[in-house]
Amino acid sequence: MFEGLRKIECTRYRMDIRIGTGDAASTALATGLCWSIMGIATGALDRFIKLRTHPHGQVEPVYAGIELSVVWEADFRIRASAVLAHGLRLLPRLRYGSALRKAYRDWRAVPGQASRT
């Protein structure tokens, strides 16, 4: 199911998080949690697509106030030939989608003209 995602290349990846809860102890805990989530997200991204760059980012604690801001910047490159080839591989599966085609025809039909089966 995810084999087509390996054709996607990430050429730029950066995530910056600023977090503050108003309390120093809980801000520190939330900062550590954000570092963990960022690491898991980067690992998952690397698992499914090709990372052509080193991921950059930071988690900045804001001890003086309540704040949550997330800035995520990424550039992806997808080749049109890969999209076309993946689409062609999906064509044989369309014959199994007869229920989906019937539902689409019924949705497009004039009210009262939809098939009853």
PDB file of N, CA and C in Angstrom:
ATOM      1  N   MET A   1       0.820  -1.192   0.000  1.00  0.00           N
ATOM      2  CA  MET A   1       0.000   0.000   0.000  1.00  0.00           C
ATOM      3  C   MET A   1       0.867   1.261   0.000  1.00  0.00           C
ATOM      4  N   PHE A   2       1.983   1.238   0.721  1.00  0.00           N
ATOM      5  CA  PHE A   2       2.818   2.424   0.840  1.00  0.00           C
ATOM      6  C   PHE A   2       4.011   2.404  -0.108  1.00  0.00           C
ATOM      7  N   GLU A   3       4.061   1.452  -1.049  1.00  0.00           N
ATOM      8  CA  GLU A   3       5.232   1.362  -1.919  1.00  0.00           C
ATOM      9  C   GLU A   3       5.379   2.585  -2.812  1.00  0.00           C
ATOM     10  N   GLY A   4       4.302   3.254  -3.131  1.00  0.00           N
ATOM     11  CA  GLY A   4       4.387   4.457  -3.958  1.00  0.00           C
ATOM     12  C   GLY A   4       4.986   5.639  -3.224  1.00  0.00           C
ATOM     13  N   LEU A   5       4.923   5.635  -1.896  1.00  0.00           N
ATOM     14  CA  LEU A   5       5.472   6.757  -1.134  1.00  0.00           C
ATOM     15  C   LEU A   5       6.991   6.809  -1.192  1.00  0.00           C
ATOM     16  N   ARG A   6       7.653   5.668  -1.448  1.00  0.00           N
ATOM     17  CA  ARG A   6       9.109   5.657  -1.519  1.00  0.00           C
ATOM     18  C   ARG A   6       9.624   6.437  -2.733  1.00  0.00           C
ATOM     19  N   LYS A   7       8.755   6.773  -3.662  1.00  0.00           N
ATOM     20  CA  LYS A   7       9.150   7.573  -4.822  1.00  0.00           C
ATOM     21  C   LYS A   7       9.179   9.059  -4.508  1.00  0.00           C
ATOM     22  N   ILE A   8       8.690   9.438  -3.344  1.00  0.00           N
ATOM     23  CA  ILE A   8       8.682  10.845  -2.933  1.00  0.00           C
ATOM     24  C   ILE A   8      10.002  11.146  -2.237  1.00  0.00           C
ATOM     25  N   GLU A   9      10.609  12.259  -2.603  1.00  0.00           N
ATOM     26  CA  GLU A   9      11.869  12.686  -1.992  1.00  0.00           C
ATOM     27  C   GLU A   9      11.648  13.980  -1.220  1.00  0.00           C
ATOM     28  N   CYS A  10      12.181  14.039  -0.027  1.00  0.00           N
ATOM     29  CA  CYS A  10      12.123  15.254   0.781  1.00  0.00           C
ATOM     30  C   CYS A  10      13.479  15.947   0.667  1.00  0.00           C
ATOM     31  N   THR A  11      13.477  17.162   0.142  1.00  0.00           N
ATOM     32  CA  THR A  11      14.729  17.882  -0.080  1.00  0.00           C
ATOM     33  C   THR A  11      15.011  18.941   0.983  1.00  0.00           C
ATOM     34  N   ARG A  12      14.012  19.272   1.788  1.00  0.00           N
ATOM     35  CA  ARG A  12      14.210  20.230   2.877  1.00  0.00           C
ATOM     36  C   ARG A  12      13.224  19.905   3.980  1.00  0.00           C
ATOM     37  N   TYR A  13      13.701  19.829   5.219  1.00  0.00           N
ATOM     38  CA  TYR A  13      12.841  19.469   6.346  1.00  0.00           C
ATOM     39  C   TYR A  13      13.268  20.244   7.584  1.00  0.00           C
ATOM     40  N   ARG A  14      12.348  20.982   8.150  1.00  0.00           N
ATOM     41  CA  ARG A  14      12.629  21.751   9.362  1.00  0.00           C
ATOM     42  C   ARG A  14      11.349  21.865  10.174  1.00  0.00           C
ATOM     43  N   MET A  15      11.470  21.636  11.486  1.00  0.00           N
ATOM     44  CA  MET A  15      10.333  21.803  12.389  1.00  0.00           C
ATOM     45  C   MET A  15      10.818  22.529  13.641  1.00  0.00           C
ATOM     46  N   ASP A  16      10.184  23.647  13.941  1.00  0.00           N
ATOM     47  CA  ASP A  16      10.499  24.432  15.130  1.00  0.00           C
ATOM     48  C   ASP A  16       9.250  24.510  16.001  1.00  0.00           C
ATOM     49  N   ILE A  17       9.440  24.273  17.288  1.00  0.00           N
ATOM     50  CA  ILE A  17       8.324  24.307  18.238  1.00  0.00           C
ATOM     51  C   ILE A  17       8.705  25.227  19.389  1.00  0.00           C
ATOM     52  N   ARG A  18       7.795  26.115  19.749  1.00  0.00           N
ATOM     53  CA  ARG A  18       7.914  26.932  20.963  1.00  0.00           C
ATOM     54  C   ARG A  18       6.764  26.538  21.860  1.00  0.00           C
ATOM     55  N   ILE A  19       7.086  26.159  23.105  1.00  0.00           N
ATOM     56  CA  ILE A  19       6.044  25.691  23.999  1.00  0.00           C
ATOM     57  C   ILE A  19       6.247  26.268  25.388  1.00  0.00           C
ATOM     58  N   GLY A  20       5.153  26.696  25.991  1.00  0.00           N
ATOM     59  CA  GLY A  20       5.160  27.198  27.358  1.00  0.00           C
ATOM     60  C   GLY A  20       3.815  26.932  27.996  1.00  0.00           C
ATOM     61  N   THR A  21       3.828  26.511  29.248  1.00  0.00           N
ATOM     62  CA  THR A  21       2.576  26.206  29.943  1.00  0.00           C
ATOM     63  C   THR A  21       2.285  27.183  31.069  1.00  0.00           C
ATOM     64  N   GLY A  22       3.233  28.070  31.356  1.00  0.00           N
ATOM     65  CA  GLY A  22       3.043  29.001  32.461  1.00  0.00           C
ATOM     66  C   GLY A  22       3.716  28.522  33.736  1.00  0.00           C
ATOM     67  N   ASP A  23       4.061  27.245  33.813  1.00  0.00           N
ATOM     68  CA  ASP A  23       4.741  26.657  34.960  1.00  0.00           C
ATOM     69  C   ASP A  23       6.053  26.058  34.465  1.00  0.00           C
ATOM     70  N   ALA A  24       7.147  26.327  35.179  1.00  0.00           N
ATOM     71  CA  ALA A  24       8.463  25.900  34.708  1.00  0.00           C
ATOM     72  C   ALA A  24       8.579  24.381  34.636  1.00  0.00           C
ATOM     73  N   ALA A  25       8.085  23.679  35.627  1.00  0.00           N
ATOM     74  CA  ALA A  25       8.219  22.214  35.645  1.00  0.00           C
ATOM     75  C   ALA A  25       7.420  21.564  34.518  1.00  0.00           C
ATOM     76  N   SER A  26       6.195  21.983  34.337  1.00  0.00           N
ATOM     77  CA  SER A  26       5.386  21.374  33.277  1.00  0.00           C
ATOM     78  C   SER A  26       5.867  21.809  31.887  1.00  0.00           C
ATOM     79  N   THR A  27       6.448  23.013  31.785  1.00  0.00           N
ATOM     80  CA  THR A  27       7.037  23.431  30.513  1.00  0.00           C
ATOM     81  C   THR A  27       8.213  22.534  30.152  1.00  0.00           C
ATOM     82  N   ALA A  28       9.057  22.218  31.132  1.00  0.00           N
ATOM     83  CA  ALA A  28      10.187  21.331  30.879  1.00  0.00           C
ATOM     84  C   ALA A  28       9.707  19.940  30.467  1.00  0.00           C
ATOM     85  N   LEU A  29       8.672  19.440  31.113  1.00  0.00           N
ATOM     86  CA  LEU A  29       8.106  18.132  30.756  1.00  0.00           C
ATOM     87  C   LEU A  29       7.528  18.157  29.346  1.00  0.00           C
ATOM     88  N   ALA A  30       6.809  19.215  29.019  1.00  0.00           N
ATOM     89  CA  ALA A  30       6.223  19.337  27.680  1.00  0.00           C
ATOM     90  C   ALA A  30       7.307  19.477  26.619  1.00  0.00           C
ATOM     91  N   THR A  31       8.408  20.154  26.944  1.00  0.00           N
ATOM     92  CA  THR A  31       9.517  20.294  26.003  1.00  0.00           C
ATOM     93  C   THR A  31      10.123  18.935  25.693  1.00  0.00           C
ATOM     94  N   GLY A  32      10.358  18.123  26.699  1.00  0.00           N
ATOM     95  CA  GLY A  32      10.880  16.778  26.486  1.00  0.00           C
ATOM     96  C   GLY A  32       9.927  15.912  25.676  1.00  0.00           C
ATOM     97  N   LEU A  33       8.633  16.056  25.935  1.00  0.00           N
ATOM     98  CA  LEU A  33       7.635  15.313  25.167  1.00  0.00           C
ATOM     99  C   LEU A  33       7.649  15.736  23.698  1.00  0.00           C
ATOM    100  N   CYS A  34       7.807  17.031  23.457  1.00  0.00           N
ATOM    101  CA  CYS A  34       7.868  17.518  22.071  1.00  0.00           C
ATOM    102  C   CYS A  34       9.104  16.998  21.351  1.00  0.00           C
ATOM    103  N   TRP A  35      10.253  16.929  22.062  1.00  0.00           N
ATOM    104  CA  TRP A  35      11.459  16.370  21.443  1.00  0.00           C
ATOM    105  C   TRP A  35      11.208  14.915  21.046  1.00  0.00           C
ATOM    106  N   SER A  36      10.533  14.167  21.899  1.00  0.00           N
ATOM    107  CA  SER A  36      10.236  12.761  21.590  1.00  0.00           C
ATOM    108  C   SER A  36       9.312  12.642  20.385  1.00  0.00           C
ATOM    109  N   ILE A  37       8.280  13.454  20.344  1.00  0.00           N
ATOM    110  CA  ILE A  37       7.333  13.414  19.224  1.00  0.00           C
ATOM    111  C   ILE A  37       8.023  13.815  17.930  1.00  0.00           C
ATOM    112  N   MET A  38       8.900  14.821  17.984  1.00  0.00           N
ATOM    113  CA  MET A  38       9.637  15.217  16.774  1.00  0.00           C
ATOM    114  C   MET A  38      10.523  14.088  16.276  1.00  0.00           C
ATOM    115  N   GLY A  39      11.173  13.380  17.181  1.00  0.00           N
ATOM    116  CA  GLY A  39      12.016  12.256  16.779  1.00  0.00           C
ATOM    117  C   GLY A  39      11.218  11.132  16.155  1.00  0.00           C
ATOM    118  N   ILE A  40      10.069  10.826  16.733  1.00  0.00           N
ATOM    119  CA  ILE A  40       9.201   9.775  16.181  1.00  0.00           C
ATOM    120  C   ILE A  40       8.677  10.185  14.809  1.00  0.00           C
ATOM    121  N   ALA A  41       8.273  11.445  14.668  1.00  0.00           N
ATOM    122  CA  ALA A  41       7.751  11.919  13.379  1.00  0.00           C
ATOM    123  C   ALA A  41       8.825  11.877  12.293  1.00  0.00           C
ATOM    124  N   THR A  42      10.045  12.247  12.646  1.00  0.00           N
ATOM    125  CA  THR A  42      11.135  12.204  11.675  1.00  0.00           C
ATOM    126  C   THR A  42      11.460  10.774  11.282  1.00  0.00           C
ATOM    127  N   GLY A  43      11.462   9.867  12.248  1.00  0.00           N
ATOM    128  CA  GLY A  43      11.698   8.458  11.950  1.00  0.00           C
ATOM    129  C   GLY A  43      10.616   7.861  11.067  1.00  0.00           C
ATOM    130  N   ALA A  44       9.367   8.216  11.336  1.00  0.00           N
ATOM    131  CA  ALA A  44       8.264   7.716  10.511  1.00  0.00           C
ATOM    132  C   ALA A  44       8.355   8.281   9.097  1.00  0.00           C
ATOM    133  N   LEU A  45       8.697   9.548   8.980  1.00  0.00           N
ATOM    134  CA  LEU A  45       8.851  10.159   7.661  1.00  0.00           C
ATOM    135  C   LEU A  45       9.966   9.479   6.879  1.00  0.00           C
ATOM    136  N   ASP A  46      11.076   9.188   7.553  1.00  0.00           N
ATOM    137  CA  ASP A  46      12.194   8.521   6.899  1.00  0.00           C
ATOM    138  C   ASP A  46      11.839   7.098   6.499  1.00  0.00           C
ATOM    139  N   ARG A  47      10.956   6.483   7.234  1.00  0.00           N
ATOM    140  CA  ARG A  47      10.541   5.108   6.929  1.00  0.00           C
ATOM    141  C   ARG A  47       9.725   5.038   5.641  1.00  0.00           C
ATOM    142  N   PHE A  48       8.908   6.041   5.391  1.00  0.00           N
ATOM    143  CA  PHE A  48       7.981   5.980   4.267  1.00  0.00           C
ATOM    144  C   PHE A  48       8.456   6.713   3.018  1.00  0.00           C
ATOM    145  N   ILE A  49       9.240   7.782   3.160  1.00  0.00           N
ATOM    146  CA  ILE A  49       9.724   8.513   1.994  1.00  0.00           C
ATOM    147  C   ILE A  49      11.237   8.635   2.075  1.00  0.00           C
ATOM    148  N   LYS A  50      11.859   9.090   0.999  1.00  0.00           N
ATOM    149  CA  LYS A  50      13.312   9.251   0.963  1.00  0.00           C
ATOM    150  C   LYS A  50      13.688  10.636   1.472  1.00  0.00           C
ATOM    151  N   LEU A  51      14.475  10.674   2.532  1.00  0.00           N
ATOM    152  CA  LEU A  51      14.985  11.951   3.034  1.00  0.00           C
ATOM    153  C   LEU A  51      16.323  12.226   2.359  1.00  0.00           C
ATOM    154  N   ARG A  52      16.399  13.266   1.556  1.00  0.00           N
ATOM    155  CA  ARG A  52      17.629  13.653   0.879  1.00  0.00           C
ATOM    156  C   ARG A  52      18.357  14.757   1.636  1.00  0.00           C
ATOM    157  N   THR A  53      17.918  15.048   2.834  1.00  0.00           N
ATOM    158  CA  THR A  53      18.510  16.101   3.644  1.00  0.00           C
ATOM    159  C   THR A  53      18.514  15.656   5.101  1.00  0.00           C
ATOM    160  N   HIS A  54      19.266  16.360   5.910  1.00  0.00           N
ATOM    161  CA  HIS A  54      19.237  16.102   7.343  1.00  0.00           C
ATOM    162  C   HIS A  54      18.104  16.919   7.944  1.00  0.00           C
ATOM    163  N   PRO A  55      17.267  16.318   8.778  1.00  0.00           N
ATOM    164  CA  PRO A  55      16.186  17.087   9.399  1.00  0.00           C
ATOM    165  C   PRO A  55      16.749  18.102  10.391  1.00  0.00           C
ATOM    166  N   HIS A  56      16.214  19.291  10.353  1.00  0.00           N
ATOM    167  CA  HIS A  56      16.624  20.364  11.255  1.00  0.00           C
ATOM    168  C   HIS A  56      15.419  20.781  12.086  1.00  0.00           C
ATOM    169  N   GLY A  57      15.681  21.331  13.226  1.00  0.00           N
ATOM    170  CA  GLY A  57      14.596  21.831  14.049  1.00  0.00           C
ATOM    171  C   GLY A  57      15.027  21.993  15.484  1.00  0.00           C
ATOM    172  N   GLN A  58      14.129  22.579  16.263  1.00  0.00           N
ATOM    173  CA  GLN A  58      14.409  22.792  17.672  1.00  0.00           C
ATOM    174  C   GLN A  58      13.099  22.889  18.439  1.00  0.00           C
ATOM    175  N   VAL A  59      13.194  22.628  19.720  1.00  0.00           N
ATOM    176  CA  VAL A  59      12.080  22.846  20.636  1.00  0.00           C
ATOM    177  C   VAL A  59      12.557  23.879  21.642  1.00  0.00           C
ATOM    178  N   GLU A  60      11.865  24.999  21.664  1.00  0.00           N
ATOM    179  CA  GLU A  60      12.274  26.103  22.533  1.00  0.00           C
ATOM    180  C   GLU A  60      11.258  26.269  23.659  1.00  0.00           C
ATOM    181  N   PRO A  61      11.684  26.085  24.906  1.00  0.00           N
ATOM    182  CA  PRO A  61      10.743  26.292  26.019  1.00  0.00           C
ATOM    183  C   PRO A  61      10.529  27.778  26.292  1.00  0.00           C
ATOM    184  N   VAL A  62       9.292  28.121  26.603  1.00  0.00           N
ATOM    185  CA  VAL A  62       8.933  29.492  26.975  1.00  0.00           C
ATOM    186  C   VAL A  62       8.447  29.416  28.416  1.00  0.00           C
ATOM    187  N   TYR A  63       9.342  29.713  29.344  1.00  0.00           N
ATOM    188  CA  TYR A  63       9.003  29.564  30.754  1.00  0.00           C
ATOM    189  C   TYR A  63       8.142  30.705  31.282  1.00  0.00           C
ATOM    190  N   ALA A  64       8.124  31.848  30.611  1.00  0.00           N
ATOM    191  CA  ALA A  64       7.461  33.033  31.140  1.00  0.00           C
ATOM    192  C   ALA A  64       5.986  33.136  30.764  1.00  0.00           C
ATOM    193  N   GLY A  65       5.478  32.262  29.899  1.00  0.00           N
ATOM    194  CA  GLY A  65       4.091  32.417  29.490  1.00  0.00           C
ATOM    195  C   GLY A  65       3.513  31.147  28.915  1.00  0.00           C
ATOM    196  N   ILE A  66       2.303  31.278  28.454  1.00  0.00           N
ATOM    197  CA  ILE A  66       1.598  30.157  27.842  1.00  0.00           C
ATOM    198  C   ILE A  66       1.655  30.339  26.336  1.00  0.00           C
ATOM    199  N   GLU A  67       2.238  29.385  25.658  1.00  0.00           N
ATOM    200  CA  GLU A  67       2.406  29.505  24.206  1.00  0.00           C
ATOM    201  C   GLU A  67       2.587  28.125  23.596  1.00  0.00           C
ATOM    202  N   LEU A  68       2.058  27.953  22.403  1.00  0.00           N
ATOM    203  CA  LEU A  68       2.338  26.771  21.588  1.00  0.00           C
ATOM    204  C   LEU A  68       2.344  27.219  20.137  1.00  0.00           C
ATOM    205  N   SER A  69       3.500  27.128  19.518  1.00  0.00           N
ATOM    206  CA  SER A  69       3.593  27.439  18.100  1.00  0.00           C
ATOM    207  C   SER A  69       4.461  26.381  17.431  1.00  0.00           C
ATOM    208  N   VAL A  70       3.992  25.913  16.300  1.00  0.00           N
ATOM    209  CA  VAL A  70       4.695  24.896  15.530  1.00  0.00           C
ATOM    210  C   VAL A  70       4.898  25.439  14.122  1.00  0.00           C
ATOM    211  N   VAL A  71       6.141  25.435  13.671  1.00  0.00           N
ATOM    212  CA  VAL A  71       6.466  25.849  12.309  1.00  0.00           C
ATOM    213  C   VAL A  71       7.116  24.652  11.634  1.00  0.00           C
ATOM    214  N   TRP A  72       6.489  24.176  10.563  1.00  0.00           N
ATOM    215  CA  TRP A  72       7.004  23.020   9.827  1.00  0.00           C
ATOM    216  C   TRP A  72       7.197  23.434   8.385  1.00  0.00           C
ATOM    217  N   GLU A  73       8.419  23.268   7.907  1.00  0.00           N
ATOM    218  CA  GLU A  73       8.742  23.595   6.517  1.00  0.00           C
ATOM    219  C   GLU A  73       9.349  22.364   5.878  1.00  0.00           C
ATOM    220  N   ALA A  74       8.848  22.007   4.717  1.00  0.00           N
ATOM    221  CA  ALA A  74       9.390  20.854   3.998  1.00  0.00           C
ATOM    222  C   ALA A  74       9.161  21.046   2.510  1.00  0.00           C
ATOM    223  N   ASP A  75      10.104  20.576   1.735  1.00  0.00           N
ATOM    224  CA  ASP A  75       9.975  20.562   0.281  1.00  0.00           C
ATOM    225  C   ASP A  75      10.028  19.112  -0.175  1.00  0.00           C
ATOM    226  N   PHE A  76       9.075  18.746  -1.017  1.00  0.00           N
ATOM    227  CA  PHE A  76       9.007  17.382  -1.527  1.00  0.00           C
ATOM    228  C   PHE A  76       9.122  17.400  -3.041  1.00  0.00           C
ATOM    229  N   ARG A  77       9.722  16.364  -3.598  1.00  0.00           N
ATOM    230  CA  ARG A  77       9.834  16.227  -5.046  1.00  0.00           C
ATOM    231  C   ARG A  77       9.193  14.898  -5.433  1.00  0.00           C
ATOM    232  N   ILE A  78       8.243  14.977  -6.351  1.00  0.00           N
ATOM    233  CA  ILE A  78       7.548  13.795  -6.851  1.00  0.00           C
ATOM    234  C   ILE A  78       7.666  13.820  -8.371  1.00  0.00           C
ATOM    235  N   ARG A  79       8.163  12.770  -8.940  1.00  0.00           N
ATOM    236  CA  ARG A  79       8.303  12.698 -10.392  1.00  0.00           C
ATOM    237  C   ARG A  79       6.970  12.291 -11.020  1.00  0.00           C
ATOM    238  N   ALA A  80       6.600  12.978 -12.093  1.00  0.00           N
ATOM    239  CA  ALA A  80       5.339  12.687 -12.770  1.00  0.00           C
ATOM    240  C   ALA A  80       5.327  11.265 -13.326  1.00  0.00           C
ATOM    241  N   SER A  81       6.460  10.776 -13.782  1.00  0.00           N
ATOM    242  CA  SER A  81       6.508   9.416 -14.321  1.00  0.00           C
ATOM    243  C   SER A  81       6.207   8.385 -13.238  1.00  0.00           C
ATOM    244  N   ALA A  82       6.641   8.637 -12.002  1.00  0.00           N
ATOM    245  CA  ALA A  82       6.345   7.711 -10.908  1.00  0.00           C
ATOM    246  C   ALA A  82       4.862   7.717 -10.572  1.00  0.00           C
ATOM    247  N   VAL A  83       4.242   8.895 -10.608  1.00  0.00           N
ATOM    248  CA  VAL A  83       2.807   8.981 -10.343  1.00  0.00           C
ATOM    249  C   VAL A  83       2.025   8.251 -11.439  1.00  0.00           C
ATOM    250  N   LEU A  84       2.426   8.449 -12.687  1.00  0.00           N
ATOM    251  CA  LEU A  84       1.759   7.782 -13.803  1.00  0.00           C
ATOM    252  C   LEU A  84       1.926   6.264 -13.717  1.00  0.00           C
ATOM    253  N   ALA A  85       3.130   5.795 -13.416  1.00  0.00           N
ATOM    254  CA  ALA A  85       3.369   4.355 -13.307  1.00  0.00           C
ATOM    255  C   ALA A  85       2.561   3.756 -12.164  1.00  0.00           C
ATOM    256  N   HIS A  86       2.476   4.455 -11.043  1.00  0.00           N
ATOM    257  CA  HIS A  86       1.689   3.955  -9.913  1.00  0.00           C
ATOM    258  C   HIS A  86       0.205   3.915 -10.259  1.00  0.00           C
ATOM    259  N   GLY A  87      -0.266   4.920 -10.991  1.00  0.00           N
ATOM    260  CA  GLY A  87      -1.665   4.922 -11.431  1.00  0.00           C
ATOM    261  C   GLY A  87      -1.965   3.774 -12.377  1.00  0.00           C
ATOM    262  N   LEU A  88      -1.037   3.466 -13.277  1.00  0.00           N
ATOM    263  CA  LEU A  88      -1.236   2.353 -14.198  1.00  0.00           C
ATOM    264  C   LEU A  88      -1.263   1.012 -13.471  1.00  0.00           C
ATOM    265  N   ARG A  89      -0.479   0.901 -12.401  1.00  0.00           N
ATOM    266  CA  ARG A  89      -0.515  -0.334 -11.617  1.00  0.00           C
ATOM    267  C   ARG A  89      -1.829  -0.506 -10.885  1.00  0.00           C
ATOM    268  N   LEU A  90      -2.516   0.584 -10.616  1.00  0.00           N
ATOM    269  CA  LEU A  90      -3.797   0.497  -9.911  1.00  0.00           C
ATOM    270  C   LEU A  90      -4.965   0.189 -10.846  1.00  0.00           C
ATOM    271  N   LEU A  91      -4.784   0.335 -12.152  1.00  0.00           N
ATOM    272  CA  LEU A  91      -5.876   0.108 -13.093  1.00  0.00           C
ATOM    273  C   LEU A  91      -6.510  -1.279 -12.988  1.00  0.00           C
ATOM    274  N   PRO A  92      -5.761  -2.372 -12.884  1.00  0.00           N
ATOM    275  CA  PRO A  92      -6.412  -3.678 -12.785  1.00  0.00           C
ATOM    276  C   PRO A  92      -7.313  -3.835 -11.562  1.00  0.00           C
ATOM    277  N   ARG A  93      -7.078  -3.074 -10.541  1.00  0.00           N
ATOM    278  CA  ARG A  93      -7.905  -3.167  -9.335  1.00  0.00           C
ATOM    279  C   ARG A  93      -9.263  -2.496  -9.496  1.00  0.00           C
ATOM    280  N   LEU A  94      -9.452  -1.724 -10.558  1.00  0.00           N
ATOM    281  CA  LEU A  94     -10.711  -1.003 -10.740  1.00  0.00           C
ATOM    282  C   LEU A  94     -11.892  -1.938 -10.967  1.00  0.00           C
ATOM    283  N   ARG A  95     -11.675  -3.098 -11.527  1.00  0.00           N
ATOM    284  CA  ARG A  95     -12.803  -4.002 -11.760  1.00  0.00           C
ATOM    285  C   ARG A  95     -13.388  -4.491 -10.449  1.00  0.00           C
ATOM    286  N   TYR A  96     -12.590  -4.459  -9.381  1.00  0.00           N
ATOM    287  CA  TYR A  96     -13.104  -4.844  -8.071  1.00  0.00           C
ATOM    288  C   TYR A  96     -13.845  -3.698  -7.397  1.00  0.00           C
ATOM    289  N   GLY A  97     -13.802  -2.547  -7.971  1.00  0.00           N
ATOM    290  CA  GLY A  97     -14.458  -1.391  -7.382  1.00  0.00           C
ATOM    291  C   GLY A  97     -15.841  -1.138  -7.952  1.00  0.00           C
ATOM    292  N   SER A  98     -16.553  -2.204  -8.369  1.00  0.00           N
ATOM    293  CA  SER A  98     -17.860  -2.007  -8.991  1.00  0.00           C
ATOM    294  C   SER A  98     -18.855  -1.376  -8.024  1.00  0.00           C
ATOM    295  N   ALA A  99     -18.783  -1.714  -6.748  1.00  0.00           N
ATOM    296  CA  ALA A  99     -19.682  -1.098  -5.775  1.00  0.00           C
ATOM    297  C   ALA A  99     -19.403   0.395  -5.667  1.00  0.00           C
ATOM    298  N   LEU A 100     -18.136   0.774  -5.748  1.00  0.00           N
ATOM    299  CA  LEU A 100     -17.777   2.189  -5.703  1.00  0.00           C
ATOM    300  C   LEU A 100     -18.284   2.916  -6.945  1.00  0.00           C
ATOM    301  N   ARG A 101     -18.125   2.290  -8.126  1.00  0.00           N
ATOM    302  CA  ARG A 101     -18.631   2.918  -9.348  1.00  0.00           C
ATOM    303  C   ARG A 101     -20.152   3.054  -9.306  1.00  0.00           C
ATOM    304  N   LYS A 102     -20.855   2.048  -8.781  1.00  0.00           N
ATOM    305  CA  LYS A 102     -22.314   2.107  -8.671  1.00  0.00           C
ATOM    306  C   LYS A 102     -22.729   3.234  -7.725  1.00  0.00           C
ATOM    307  N   ALA A 103     -22.038   3.358  -6.606  1.00  0.00           N
ATOM    308  CA  ALA A 103     -22.347   4.429  -5.663  1.00  0.00           C
ATOM    309  C   ALA A 103     -22.099   5.791  -6.296  1.00  0.00           C
ATOM    310  N   TYR A 104     -21.034   5.914  -7.101  1.00  0.00           N
ATOM    311  CA  TYR A 104     -20.747   7.172  -7.773  1.00  0.00           C
ATOM    312  C   TYR A 104     -21.832   7.489  -8.803  1.00  0.00           C
ATOM    313  N   ARG A 105     -22.259   6.485  -9.578  1.00  0.00           N
ATOM    314  CA  ARG A 105     -23.333   6.710 -10.555  1.00  0.00           C
ATOM    315  C   ARG A 105     -24.617   7.128  -9.863  1.00  0.00           C
ATOM    316  N   ASP A 106     -24.943   6.489  -8.729  1.00  0.00           N
ATOM    317  CA  ASP A 106     -26.159   6.851  -7.996  1.00  0.00           C
ATOM    318  C   ASP A 106     -26.067   8.268  -7.439  1.00  0.00           C
ATOM    319  N   TRP A 107     -24.870   8.661  -7.019  1.00  0.00           N
ATOM    320  CA  TRP A 107     -24.682   9.994  -6.482  1.00  0.00           C
ATOM    321  C   TRP A 107     -24.843  11.041  -7.576  1.00  0.00           C
ATOM    322  N   ARG A 108     -24.391  10.724  -8.799  1.00  0.00           N
ATOM    323  CA  ARG A 108     -24.472  11.653  -9.918  1.00  0.00           C
ATOM    324  C   ARG A 108     -25.849  11.666 -10.582  1.00  0.00           C
ATOM    325  N   ALA A 109     -26.674  10.652 -10.287  1.00  0.00           N
ATOM    326  CA  ALA A 109     -27.976  10.524 -10.952  1.00  0.00           C
ATOM    327  C   ALA A 109     -28.936  11.621 -10.486  1.00  0.00           C
ATOM    328  N   VAL A 110     -29.930  11.859 -11.314  1.00  0.00           N
ATOM    329  CA  VAL A 110     -30.991  12.800 -10.982  1.00  0.00           C
ATOM    330  C   VAL A 110     -31.777  12.216  -9.812  1.00  0.00           C
ATOM    331  N   PRO A 111     -32.178  13.010  -8.826  1.00  0.00           N
ATOM    332  CA  PRO A 111     -32.929  12.468  -7.707  1.00  0.00           C
ATOM    333  C   PRO A 111     -34.168  11.696  -8.182  1.00  0.00           C
ATOM    334  N   GLY A 112     -34.349  10.526  -7.614  1.00  0.00           N
ATOM    335  CA  GLY A 112     -35.455   9.663  -8.012  1.00  0.00           C
ATOM    336  C   GLY A 112     -35.084   8.688  -9.115  1.00  0.00           C
ATOM    337  N   GLN A 113     -33.923   8.853  -9.744  1.00  0.00           N
ATOM    338  CA  GLN A 113     -33.496   7.987 -10.846  1.00  0.00           C
ATOM    339  C   GLN A 113     -32.406   6.990 -10.447  1.00  0.00           C
ATOM    340  N   ALA A 114     -31.986   7.008  -9.191  1.00  0.00           N
ATOM    341  CA  ALA A 114     -30.920   6.105  -8.745  1.00  0.00           C
ATOM    342  C   ALA A 114     -31.401   4.669  -8.760  1.00  0.00           C
ATOM    343  N   SER A 115     -30.475   3.742  -8.983  1.00  0.00           N
ATOM    344  CA  SER A 115     -30.856   2.321  -9.006  1.00  0.00           C
ATOM    345  C   SER A 115     -31.222   1.875  -7.601  1.00  0.00           C
ATOM    346  N   ARG A 116     -32.130   0.925  -7.519  1.00  0.00           N
ATOM    347  CA  ARG A 116     -32.664   0.481  -6.236  1.00  0.00           C
ATOM    348  C   ARG A 116     -31.955  -0.750  -5.687  1.00  0.00           C
ATOM    349  N   THR A 117     -31.021  -1.334  -6.434  1.00  0.00           N
ATOM    350  CA  THR A 117     -30.393  -2.578  -5.973  1.00  0.00           C
ATOM    351  C   THR A 117     -29.168  -2.334  -5.180  1.00  0.00           C
TER     352      THR A 117
END
